[in-house]
N, C-alpha and C. Protein backbone atom coordinates (compact mmCIF):
# COMPACT_ATOMS: atom_id res chain seq x y z
N UNK A 1 -13.02 -9.88 -1.93
CA UNK A 1 -12.46 -9.10 -3.01
C UNK A 1 -13.28 -9.31 -4.28
N UNK A 2 -13.58 -8.24 -4.94
CA UNK A 2 -14.34 -8.32 -6.17
C UNK A 2 -13.45 -8.43 -7.40
N UNK A 3 -12.14 -8.24 -7.27
CA UNK A 3 -11.23 -8.23 -8.41
C UNK A 3 -11.25 -9.53 -9.20
N UNK A 4 -11.44 -10.63 -8.54
CA UNK A 4 -11.41 -11.93 -9.20
C UNK A 4 -12.82 -12.49 -9.39
N UNK A 5 -13.82 -11.65 -9.34
CA UNK A 5 -15.20 -12.12 -9.42
C UNK A 5 -15.51 -12.96 -10.66
N UNK A 6 -14.89 -12.75 -11.83
CA UNK A 6 -15.19 -13.64 -12.97
C UNK A 6 -14.85 -15.10 -12.69
N UNK A 7 -13.94 -15.35 -11.77
CA UNK A 7 -13.55 -16.72 -11.46
C UNK A 7 -14.63 -17.47 -10.68
N UNK A 8 -15.58 -16.76 -10.11
CA UNK A 8 -16.65 -17.40 -9.36
C UNK A 8 -17.71 -17.99 -10.29
N UNK A 9 -17.71 -17.55 -11.54
CA UNK A 9 -18.71 -18.01 -12.51
C UNK A 9 -18.19 -19.21 -13.29
N UNK A 10 -19.11 -20.08 -13.67
CA UNK A 10 -18.73 -21.24 -14.48
C UNK A 10 -18.18 -20.76 -15.82
N UNK A 11 -17.15 -21.42 -16.29
CA UNK A 11 -16.54 -21.07 -17.57
C UNK A 11 -17.28 -21.79 -18.69
N UNK A 12 -17.57 -21.07 -19.75
CA UNK A 12 -18.24 -21.67 -20.91
C UNK A 12 -17.27 -22.54 -21.71
N UNK A 13 -16.00 -22.14 -21.73
CA UNK A 13 -14.96 -22.86 -22.47
C UNK A 13 -13.89 -23.32 -21.49
N UNK A 14 -13.13 -24.36 -21.86
CA UNK A 14 -12.08 -24.81 -20.95
C UNK A 14 -11.02 -23.73 -20.78
N UNK A 15 -10.74 -22.99 -21.85
CA UNK A 15 -9.85 -21.84 -21.77
C UNK A 15 -10.61 -20.63 -22.30
N UNK A 16 -10.78 -19.64 -21.45
CA UNK A 16 -11.49 -18.43 -21.82
C UNK A 16 -10.49 -17.28 -21.88
N UNK A 17 -10.09 -16.86 -23.09
CA UNK A 17 -9.07 -15.82 -23.23
C UNK A 17 -9.42 -14.50 -22.53
N UNK A 18 -10.68 -14.16 -22.50
CA UNK A 18 -11.09 -12.91 -21.84
C UNK A 18 -10.82 -13.01 -20.33
N UNK A 19 -11.20 -14.13 -19.75
CA UNK A 19 -10.96 -14.34 -18.32
C UNK A 19 -9.46 -14.40 -18.04
N UNK A 20 -8.71 -15.10 -18.88
CA UNK A 20 -7.26 -15.23 -18.68
C UNK A 20 -6.61 -13.85 -18.69
N UNK A 21 -6.96 -13.01 -19.65
CA UNK A 21 -6.37 -11.67 -19.72
C UNK A 21 -6.75 -10.83 -18.50
N UNK A 22 -8.02 -10.87 -18.14
CA UNK A 22 -8.48 -10.09 -16.99
C UNK A 22 -7.78 -10.53 -15.70
N UNK A 23 -7.78 -11.84 -15.47
CA UNK A 23 -7.18 -12.38 -14.25
C UNK A 23 -5.67 -12.15 -14.24
N UNK A 24 -5.04 -12.26 -15.40
CA UNK A 24 -3.61 -11.96 -15.49
C UNK A 24 -3.32 -10.54 -15.06
N UNK A 25 -4.14 -9.60 -15.50
CA UNK A 25 -3.98 -8.21 -15.07
C UNK A 25 -4.15 -8.05 -13.58
N UNK A 26 -5.08 -8.80 -13.02
CA UNK A 26 -5.28 -8.74 -11.57
C UNK A 26 -4.08 -9.29 -10.81
N UNK A 27 -3.55 -10.42 -11.27
CA UNK A 27 -2.35 -10.97 -10.62
C UNK A 27 -1.19 -9.98 -10.71
N UNK A 28 -1.03 -9.35 -11.86
CA UNK A 28 0.05 -8.37 -12.04
C UNK A 28 -0.09 -7.20 -11.08
N UNK A 29 -1.31 -6.82 -10.76
CA UNK A 29 -1.50 -5.67 -9.86
C UNK A 29 -0.97 -5.96 -8.46
N UNK A 30 -0.90 -7.21 -8.08
CA UNK A 30 -0.39 -7.57 -6.76
C UNK A 30 1.13 -7.40 -6.66
N UNK A 31 1.81 -7.33 -7.79
CA UNK A 31 3.26 -7.12 -7.77
C UNK A 31 3.60 -5.83 -7.05
N UNK A 32 2.78 -4.80 -7.27
CA UNK A 32 3.02 -3.49 -6.66
C UNK A 32 2.43 -3.45 -5.26
N UNK A 33 3.02 -4.23 -4.37
CA UNK A 33 2.59 -4.26 -2.97
C UNK A 33 3.82 -4.44 -2.09
N UNK A 34 3.62 -4.28 -0.82
CA UNK A 34 4.70 -4.48 0.14
C UNK A 34 4.87 -5.94 0.52
N UNK A 35 4.01 -6.79 0.00
CA UNK A 35 4.04 -8.21 0.35
C UNK A 35 5.31 -8.87 -0.15
N UNK A 36 5.88 -9.71 0.68
CA UNK A 36 7.04 -10.51 0.26
C UNK A 36 6.60 -11.62 -0.69
N UNK A 37 5.30 -11.92 -0.70
CA UNK A 37 4.76 -12.99 -1.54
C UNK A 37 3.50 -12.49 -2.26
N UNK A 38 3.66 -11.55 -3.20
CA UNK A 38 2.48 -10.97 -3.84
C UNK A 38 1.67 -11.95 -4.68
N UNK A 39 2.34 -12.94 -5.28
CA UNK A 39 1.58 -13.90 -6.08
C UNK A 39 0.76 -14.83 -5.19
N UNK A 40 1.30 -15.20 -4.04
CA UNK A 40 0.54 -16.03 -3.11
C UNK A 40 -0.64 -15.22 -2.56
N UNK A 41 -0.42 -13.94 -2.30
CA UNK A 41 -1.50 -13.08 -1.84
C UNK A 41 -2.59 -12.99 -2.91
N UNK A 42 -2.18 -12.82 -4.16
CA UNK A 42 -3.13 -12.78 -5.26
C UNK A 42 -3.87 -14.09 -5.43
N UNK A 43 -3.15 -15.20 -5.32
CA UNK A 43 -3.80 -16.50 -5.44
C UNK A 43 -4.81 -16.70 -4.32
N UNK A 44 -4.46 -16.29 -3.13
CA UNK A 44 -5.40 -16.41 -2.00
C UNK A 44 -6.67 -15.61 -2.32
N UNK A 45 -6.51 -14.41 -2.86
CA UNK A 45 -7.68 -13.59 -3.22
C UNK A 45 -8.50 -14.27 -4.31
N UNK A 46 -7.83 -14.87 -5.27
CA UNK A 46 -8.55 -15.56 -6.34
C UNK A 46 -9.34 -16.75 -5.79
N UNK A 47 -8.74 -17.47 -4.86
CA UNK A 47 -9.43 -18.62 -4.28
C UNK A 47 -10.61 -18.21 -3.42
N UNK A 48 -10.53 -17.01 -2.87
CA UNK A 48 -11.63 -16.50 -2.05
C UNK A 48 -12.75 -15.91 -2.88
N UNK A 49 -12.62 -15.89 -4.20
CA UNK A 49 -13.60 -15.25 -5.09
C UNK A 49 -15.03 -15.77 -4.96
N UNK A 50 -15.41 -16.95 -4.74
CA UNK A 50 -14.67 -18.22 -4.70
C UNK A 50 -14.40 -18.71 -6.11
N UNK A 51 -13.42 -19.54 -6.25
CA UNK A 51 -12.99 -20.07 -7.54
C UNK A 51 -13.90 -21.22 -7.95
N UNK A 52 -14.58 -21.06 -9.07
CA UNK A 52 -15.42 -22.14 -9.60
C UNK A 52 -14.51 -23.22 -10.18
N UNK A 53 -14.86 -24.47 -10.03
CA UNK A 53 -14.02 -25.59 -10.47
C UNK A 53 -13.66 -25.48 -11.96
N UNK A 54 -14.54 -24.91 -12.77
CA UNK A 54 -14.27 -24.79 -14.21
C UNK A 54 -13.28 -23.68 -14.54
N UNK A 55 -12.89 -22.91 -13.53
CA UNK A 55 -11.97 -21.79 -13.76
C UNK A 55 -10.53 -22.08 -13.31
N UNK A 56 -10.26 -23.28 -12.84
CA UNK A 56 -8.92 -23.60 -12.35
C UNK A 56 -7.89 -23.48 -13.47
N UNK A 57 -8.19 -24.01 -14.65
CA UNK A 57 -7.25 -23.93 -15.76
C UNK A 57 -7.03 -22.48 -16.19
N UNK A 58 -8.09 -21.69 -16.27
CA UNK A 58 -7.94 -20.27 -16.62
C UNK A 58 -7.06 -19.55 -15.60
N UNK A 59 -7.23 -19.89 -14.34
CA UNK A 59 -6.42 -19.29 -13.27
C UNK A 59 -4.96 -19.68 -13.43
N UNK A 60 -4.70 -20.95 -13.70
CA UNK A 60 -3.32 -21.42 -13.88
C UNK A 60 -2.66 -20.75 -15.08
N UNK A 61 -3.40 -20.61 -16.15
CA UNK A 61 -2.84 -19.96 -17.35
C UNK A 61 -2.55 -18.50 -17.07
N UNK A 62 -3.49 -17.80 -16.45
CA UNK A 62 -3.29 -16.38 -16.15
C UNK A 62 -2.11 -16.17 -15.22
N UNK A 63 -2.05 -16.95 -14.16
CA UNK A 63 -0.97 -16.82 -13.18
C UNK A 63 0.38 -17.15 -13.82
N UNK A 64 0.44 -18.23 -14.59
CA UNK A 64 1.71 -18.61 -15.21
C UNK A 64 2.13 -17.61 -16.28
N UNK A 65 1.17 -16.99 -16.98
CA UNK A 65 1.51 -15.95 -17.94
C UNK A 65 2.23 -14.79 -17.25
N UNK A 66 1.72 -14.39 -16.11
CA UNK A 66 2.31 -13.26 -15.38
C UNK A 66 3.69 -13.64 -14.83
N UNK A 67 3.83 -14.85 -14.34
CA UNK A 67 5.14 -15.30 -13.85
C UNK A 67 6.13 -15.34 -15.01
N UNK A 68 5.70 -15.81 -16.18
CA UNK A 68 6.58 -15.84 -17.35
C UNK A 68 6.99 -14.42 -17.75
N UNK A 69 6.05 -13.49 -17.71
CA UNK A 69 6.38 -12.10 -18.04
C UNK A 69 7.37 -11.52 -17.03
N UNK A 70 7.24 -11.90 -15.77
CA UNK A 70 8.21 -11.46 -14.76
C UNK A 70 9.58 -12.03 -15.07
N UNK A 71 9.65 -13.32 -15.41
CA UNK A 71 10.94 -13.94 -15.75
C UNK A 71 11.55 -13.24 -16.96
N UNK A 72 10.73 -12.91 -17.94
CA UNK A 72 11.21 -12.21 -19.12
C UNK A 72 11.72 -10.82 -18.75
N UNK A 73 11.09 -10.18 -17.80
CA UNK A 73 11.53 -8.86 -17.33
C UNK A 73 12.89 -8.94 -16.64
N UNK A 74 13.18 -10.07 -16.02
CA UNK A 74 14.45 -10.26 -15.34
C UNK A 74 15.56 -10.72 -16.28
N UNK A 75 15.19 -11.21 -17.46
CA UNK A 75 16.15 -11.79 -18.40
C UNK A 75 16.38 -10.86 -19.59
N UNK A 76 17.32 -11.24 -20.41
CA UNK A 76 17.61 -10.48 -21.63
C UNK A 76 16.71 -10.89 -22.79
N UNK A 77 16.35 -12.18 -22.83
CA UNK A 77 15.52 -12.69 -23.91
C UNK A 77 14.78 -13.94 -23.42
N UNK A 78 13.97 -14.53 -24.30
CA UNK A 78 13.15 -15.68 -23.91
C UNK A 78 13.99 -16.89 -23.50
N UNK A 79 15.08 -17.16 -24.20
CA UNK A 79 15.88 -18.33 -23.83
C UNK A 79 16.51 -18.14 -22.46
N UNK A 80 16.94 -16.93 -22.16
CA UNK A 80 17.48 -16.66 -20.83
C UNK A 80 16.38 -16.74 -19.77
N UNK A 81 15.16 -16.34 -20.13
CA UNK A 81 14.04 -16.42 -19.19
C UNK A 81 13.75 -17.88 -18.83
N UNK A 82 13.81 -18.76 -19.83
CA UNK A 82 13.59 -20.19 -19.58
C UNK A 82 14.67 -20.72 -18.63
N UNK A 83 15.92 -20.36 -18.89
CA UNK A 83 17.02 -20.78 -18.02
C UNK A 83 16.84 -20.24 -16.61
N UNK A 84 16.34 -19.02 -16.50
CA UNK A 84 16.10 -18.39 -15.20
C UNK A 84 15.03 -19.15 -14.43
N UNK A 85 13.95 -19.53 -15.11
CA UNK A 85 12.87 -20.28 -14.46
C UNK A 85 13.39 -21.62 -13.96
N UNK A 86 14.13 -22.33 -14.81
CA UNK A 86 14.64 -23.66 -14.45
C UNK A 86 15.81 -23.58 -13.47
N UNK A 87 16.45 -22.44 -13.36
CA UNK A 87 17.63 -22.29 -12.51
C UNK A 87 17.37 -21.47 -11.26
N UNK A 88 17.69 -20.20 -11.32
CA UNK A 88 17.64 -19.32 -10.15
C UNK A 88 16.26 -19.23 -9.51
N UNK A 89 15.24 -19.11 -10.33
CA UNK A 89 13.88 -18.98 -9.77
C UNK A 89 13.49 -20.27 -9.06
N UNK A 90 13.74 -21.41 -9.69
CA UNK A 90 13.40 -22.70 -9.07
C UNK A 90 14.16 -22.89 -7.76
N UNK A 91 15.46 -22.61 -7.77
CA UNK A 91 16.25 -22.77 -6.55
C UNK A 91 15.79 -21.81 -5.45
N UNK A 92 15.51 -20.57 -5.82
CA UNK A 92 15.04 -19.60 -4.82
C UNK A 92 13.69 -20.01 -4.25
N UNK A 93 12.81 -20.51 -5.11
CA UNK A 93 11.49 -20.95 -4.64
C UNK A 93 11.62 -22.14 -3.70
N UNK A 94 12.52 -23.07 -4.02
CA UNK A 94 12.70 -24.26 -3.17
C UNK A 94 13.23 -23.88 -1.80
N UNK A 95 14.06 -22.84 -1.74
CA UNK A 95 14.61 -22.39 -0.46
C UNK A 95 13.58 -21.55 0.31
N UNK A 96 12.94 -20.61 -0.38
CA UNK A 96 12.01 -19.69 0.28
C UNK A 96 10.67 -20.34 0.61
N UNK A 97 10.23 -21.28 -0.22
CA UNK A 97 8.91 -21.89 -0.06
C UNK A 97 9.00 -23.41 -0.19
N UNK A 98 9.77 -24.07 0.68
CA UNK A 98 10.01 -25.51 0.50
C UNK A 98 8.74 -26.36 0.57
N UNK A 99 7.73 -25.90 1.27
CA UNK A 99 6.50 -26.68 1.35
C UNK A 99 5.67 -26.56 0.06
N UNK A 100 5.90 -25.51 -0.73
CA UNK A 100 5.16 -25.30 -1.98
C UNK A 100 5.93 -25.79 -3.19
N UNK A 101 7.26 -25.77 -3.10
CA UNK A 101 8.13 -26.22 -4.18
C UNK A 101 9.11 -27.25 -3.59
N UNK A 102 8.58 -28.40 -3.21
CA UNK A 102 9.43 -29.40 -2.57
C UNK A 102 10.41 -30.03 -3.54
N UNK A 103 11.67 -30.06 -3.15
CA UNK A 103 12.70 -30.62 -4.02
C UNK A 103 12.47 -32.09 -4.33
N UNK A 104 11.76 -32.79 -3.45
CA UNK A 104 11.53 -34.23 -3.65
C UNK A 104 10.26 -34.53 -4.45
N UNK A 105 9.60 -33.49 -4.99
CA UNK A 105 8.41 -33.70 -5.81
C UNK A 105 8.63 -33.08 -7.18
N UNK A 106 9.48 -33.73 -7.96
CA UNK A 106 9.85 -33.21 -9.28
C UNK A 106 8.64 -33.09 -10.19
N UNK A 107 7.69 -34.00 -10.09
CA UNK A 107 6.50 -33.94 -10.95
C UNK A 107 5.72 -32.64 -10.73
N UNK A 108 5.54 -32.27 -9.48
CA UNK A 108 4.82 -31.03 -9.17
C UNK A 108 5.59 -29.81 -9.68
N UNK A 109 6.87 -29.74 -9.34
CA UNK A 109 7.68 -28.57 -9.69
C UNK A 109 7.88 -28.50 -11.21
N UNK A 110 8.15 -29.62 -11.84
CA UNK A 110 8.30 -29.62 -13.29
C UNK A 110 7.01 -29.18 -13.99
N UNK A 111 5.87 -29.60 -13.45
CA UNK A 111 4.58 -29.20 -14.02
C UNK A 111 4.34 -27.70 -13.89
N UNK A 112 4.66 -27.15 -12.73
CA UNK A 112 4.50 -25.70 -12.52
C UNK A 112 5.43 -24.93 -13.46
N UNK A 113 6.67 -25.39 -13.57
CA UNK A 113 7.62 -24.74 -14.49
C UNK A 113 7.15 -24.86 -15.93
N UNK A 114 6.58 -26.00 -16.29
CA UNK A 114 6.09 -26.18 -17.66
C UNK A 114 4.99 -25.18 -17.97
N UNK A 115 4.11 -24.93 -17.02
CA UNK A 115 3.06 -23.93 -17.24
C UNK A 115 3.68 -22.58 -17.53
N UNK A 116 4.70 -22.21 -16.77
CA UNK A 116 5.35 -20.92 -16.96
C UNK A 116 6.09 -20.88 -18.30
N UNK A 117 6.86 -21.90 -18.59
CA UNK A 117 7.71 -21.90 -19.78
C UNK A 117 6.94 -22.16 -21.08
N UNK A 118 5.69 -22.62 -20.99
CA UNK A 118 4.90 -22.82 -22.19
C UNK A 118 4.73 -21.50 -22.94
N UNK A 119 4.78 -20.38 -22.23
CA UNK A 119 4.66 -19.05 -22.84
C UNK A 119 5.79 -18.83 -23.84
N UNK A 120 6.94 -19.41 -23.59
CA UNK A 120 8.10 -19.23 -24.44
C UNK A 120 8.19 -20.26 -25.56
N UNK A 121 7.22 -21.17 -25.62
CA UNK A 121 7.19 -22.17 -26.68
C UNK A 121 8.22 -23.27 -26.53
N UNK A 122 8.68 -23.49 -25.30
CA UNK A 122 9.72 -24.50 -25.08
C UNK A 122 9.18 -25.75 -24.41
N UNK A 123 7.88 -25.87 -24.33
CA UNK A 123 7.25 -26.98 -23.61
C UNK A 123 6.36 -27.76 -24.56
N UNK A 124 6.48 -29.08 -24.49
CA UNK A 124 5.58 -29.93 -25.27
C UNK A 124 4.34 -30.24 -24.44
N UNK A 125 3.33 -30.68 -25.11
CA UNK A 125 2.08 -31.03 -24.43
C UNK A 125 2.31 -32.09 -23.36
N UNK A 126 3.24 -33.03 -23.63
CA UNK A 126 3.55 -34.11 -22.68
C UNK A 126 4.17 -33.59 -21.39
N UNK A 127 4.80 -32.43 -21.42
CA UNK A 127 5.45 -31.87 -20.24
C UNK A 127 4.47 -31.16 -19.31
N UNK A 128 3.31 -30.78 -19.83
CA UNK A 128 2.31 -30.13 -18.99
C UNK A 128 1.61 -31.16 -18.12
N UNK A 129 1.22 -30.79 -16.91
CA UNK A 129 0.54 -31.75 -16.05
C UNK A 129 -0.81 -32.16 -16.64
N UNK A 130 -1.22 -33.38 -16.33
CA UNK A 130 -2.51 -33.88 -16.81
C UNK A 130 -3.68 -33.17 -16.14
N UNK A 131 -3.45 -32.70 -14.92
CA UNK A 131 -4.50 -32.02 -14.16
C UNK A 131 -3.87 -30.85 -13.40
N UNK A 132 -4.67 -29.85 -13.17
CA UNK A 132 -4.22 -28.68 -12.41
C UNK A 132 -5.02 -28.66 -11.11
N UNK A 133 -4.29 -28.58 -10.01
CA UNK A 133 -4.95 -28.54 -8.71
C UNK A 133 -4.36 -27.39 -7.89
N UNK A 134 -4.78 -27.31 -6.66
CA UNK A 134 -4.32 -26.24 -5.77
C UNK A 134 -2.82 -26.27 -5.54
N UNK A 135 -2.24 -27.47 -5.48
CA UNK A 135 -0.79 -27.57 -5.28
C UNK A 135 -0.04 -26.99 -6.47
N UNK A 136 -0.55 -27.24 -7.68
CA UNK A 136 0.09 -26.70 -8.88
C UNK A 136 -0.02 -25.18 -8.88
N UNK A 137 -1.20 -24.66 -8.56
CA UNK A 137 -1.37 -23.20 -8.50
C UNK A 137 -0.43 -22.59 -7.47
N UNK A 138 -0.31 -23.22 -6.31
CA UNK A 138 0.58 -22.70 -5.26
C UNK A 138 2.04 -22.75 -5.71
N UNK A 139 2.43 -23.79 -6.42
CA UNK A 139 3.81 -23.89 -6.90
C UNK A 139 4.10 -22.81 -7.94
N UNK A 140 3.14 -22.54 -8.82
CA UNK A 140 3.32 -21.47 -9.81
C UNK A 140 3.46 -20.13 -9.09
N UNK A 141 2.61 -19.90 -8.09
CA UNK A 141 2.69 -18.65 -7.31
C UNK A 141 4.04 -18.54 -6.60
N UNK A 142 4.53 -19.65 -6.07
CA UNK A 142 5.83 -19.64 -5.38
C UNK A 142 6.95 -19.31 -6.35
N UNK A 143 6.88 -19.82 -7.57
CA UNK A 143 7.88 -19.47 -8.58
C UNK A 143 7.83 -17.97 -8.86
N UNK A 144 6.62 -17.43 -8.95
CA UNK A 144 6.48 -15.98 -9.15
C UNK A 144 7.04 -15.19 -7.99
N UNK A 145 6.75 -15.64 -6.78
CA UNK A 145 7.26 -14.92 -5.61
C UNK A 145 8.78 -15.00 -5.52
N UNK A 146 9.36 -16.11 -5.96
CA UNK A 146 10.81 -16.21 -6.01
C UNK A 146 11.36 -15.22 -7.03
N UNK A 147 10.66 -15.06 -8.14
CA UNK A 147 11.05 -14.05 -9.13
C UNK A 147 10.99 -12.64 -8.57
N UNK A 148 9.99 -12.38 -7.74
CA UNK A 148 9.88 -11.07 -7.09
C UNK A 148 11.05 -10.85 -6.15
N UNK A 149 11.43 -11.88 -5.42
CA UNK A 149 12.60 -11.75 -4.53
C UNK A 149 13.84 -11.38 -5.34
N UNK A 150 14.01 -12.00 -6.49
CA UNK A 150 15.15 -11.67 -7.35
C UNK A 150 15.04 -10.23 -7.88
N UNK A 151 13.85 -9.84 -8.30
CA UNK A 151 13.64 -8.48 -8.79
C UNK A 151 13.95 -7.45 -7.71
N UNK A 152 13.53 -7.74 -6.48
CA UNK A 152 13.82 -6.84 -5.36
C UNK A 152 15.32 -6.75 -5.11
N UNK A 153 16.01 -7.89 -5.22
CA UNK A 153 17.46 -7.91 -4.98
C UNK A 153 18.22 -7.08 -6.00
N UNK A 154 17.77 -7.08 -7.23
CA UNK A 154 18.49 -6.30 -8.25
C UNK A 154 17.94 -4.88 -8.39
N UNK A 155 16.91 -4.57 -7.62
CA UNK A 155 16.41 -3.20 -7.56
C UNK A 155 15.42 -2.80 -8.64
N UNK A 156 14.73 -3.77 -9.25
CA UNK A 156 13.69 -3.41 -10.21
C UNK A 156 12.49 -2.87 -9.45
N UNK A 157 12.02 -1.69 -9.78
CA UNK A 157 10.90 -1.11 -9.04
C UNK A 157 9.58 -1.86 -9.31
N UNK A 158 8.95 -2.26 -8.25
CA UNK A 158 7.71 -3.03 -8.39
C UNK A 158 6.61 -2.27 -9.13
N UNK A 159 6.43 -0.96 -8.89
CA UNK A 159 5.37 -0.27 -9.64
C UNK A 159 5.57 -0.34 -11.16
N UNK A 160 6.82 -0.24 -11.58
CA UNK A 160 7.12 -0.32 -13.02
C UNK A 160 6.84 -1.73 -13.53
N UNK A 161 7.30 -2.73 -12.78
CA UNK A 161 7.04 -4.12 -13.16
C UNK A 161 5.54 -4.40 -13.24
N UNK A 162 4.81 -3.96 -12.22
CA UNK A 162 3.36 -4.23 -12.18
C UNK A 162 2.66 -3.62 -13.38
N UNK A 163 3.01 -2.40 -13.72
CA UNK A 163 2.37 -1.73 -14.85
C UNK A 163 2.71 -2.42 -16.17
N UNK A 164 4.00 -2.67 -16.39
CA UNK A 164 4.42 -3.28 -17.66
C UNK A 164 3.86 -4.69 -17.81
N UNK A 165 3.96 -5.48 -16.75
CA UNK A 165 3.49 -6.85 -16.81
C UNK A 165 1.96 -6.89 -16.92
N UNK A 166 1.29 -6.00 -16.22
CA UNK A 166 -0.18 -5.93 -16.33
C UNK A 166 -0.63 -5.60 -17.74
N UNK A 167 0.05 -4.66 -18.39
CA UNK A 167 -0.31 -4.30 -19.77
C UNK A 167 -0.04 -5.47 -20.70
N UNK A 168 1.09 -6.15 -20.51
CA UNK A 168 1.41 -7.29 -21.38
C UNK A 168 0.43 -8.44 -21.15
N UNK A 169 0.08 -8.70 -19.90
CA UNK A 169 -0.85 -9.80 -19.58
C UNK A 169 -2.23 -9.54 -20.19
N UNK A 170 -2.61 -8.29 -20.27
CA UNK A 170 -3.92 -7.94 -20.81
C UNK A 170 -4.02 -8.14 -22.31
N UNK A 171 -2.87 -8.31 -22.96
CA UNK A 171 -2.89 -8.51 -24.42
C UNK A 171 -2.51 -9.92 -24.83
N UNK A 172 -2.17 -10.77 -23.87
CA UNK A 172 -1.76 -12.15 -24.21
C UNK A 172 -2.95 -12.97 -24.65
């Protein structure tokens, strides 16, 4: 896949806003698919880019931005979105993807949630993980996929979500 090709290149900065916005838009495009796990599908495509080691943080930021925007789409406001991430989305992810969001690994799950909730300004630097690895990326994707399951249950149309979230991710 060429969609994530910027991730194959070494990053000049630890956080590259241009890459984050572009990759966020790419992750959002996967929402409009028949996949039960569009974020995991998108993450797999990003990893096949192949992902340069210097782009892991940019990937985590882009992916978590899109998951946060999805949570905000499911909620009434930012505080409700935070509660949704820590509540229904976390529980759904633990049930649907127990190997990616293991209930007995609070450090991993809390770190993935912190990445998502940092968008809402409710996370301190100490709550973010010290390092981002494949397990963290997979947990963030699982939280997003749990959000998609909730969106499907309440009947939010994926094409509308993909378009709105993609446009918002491109401006973050």
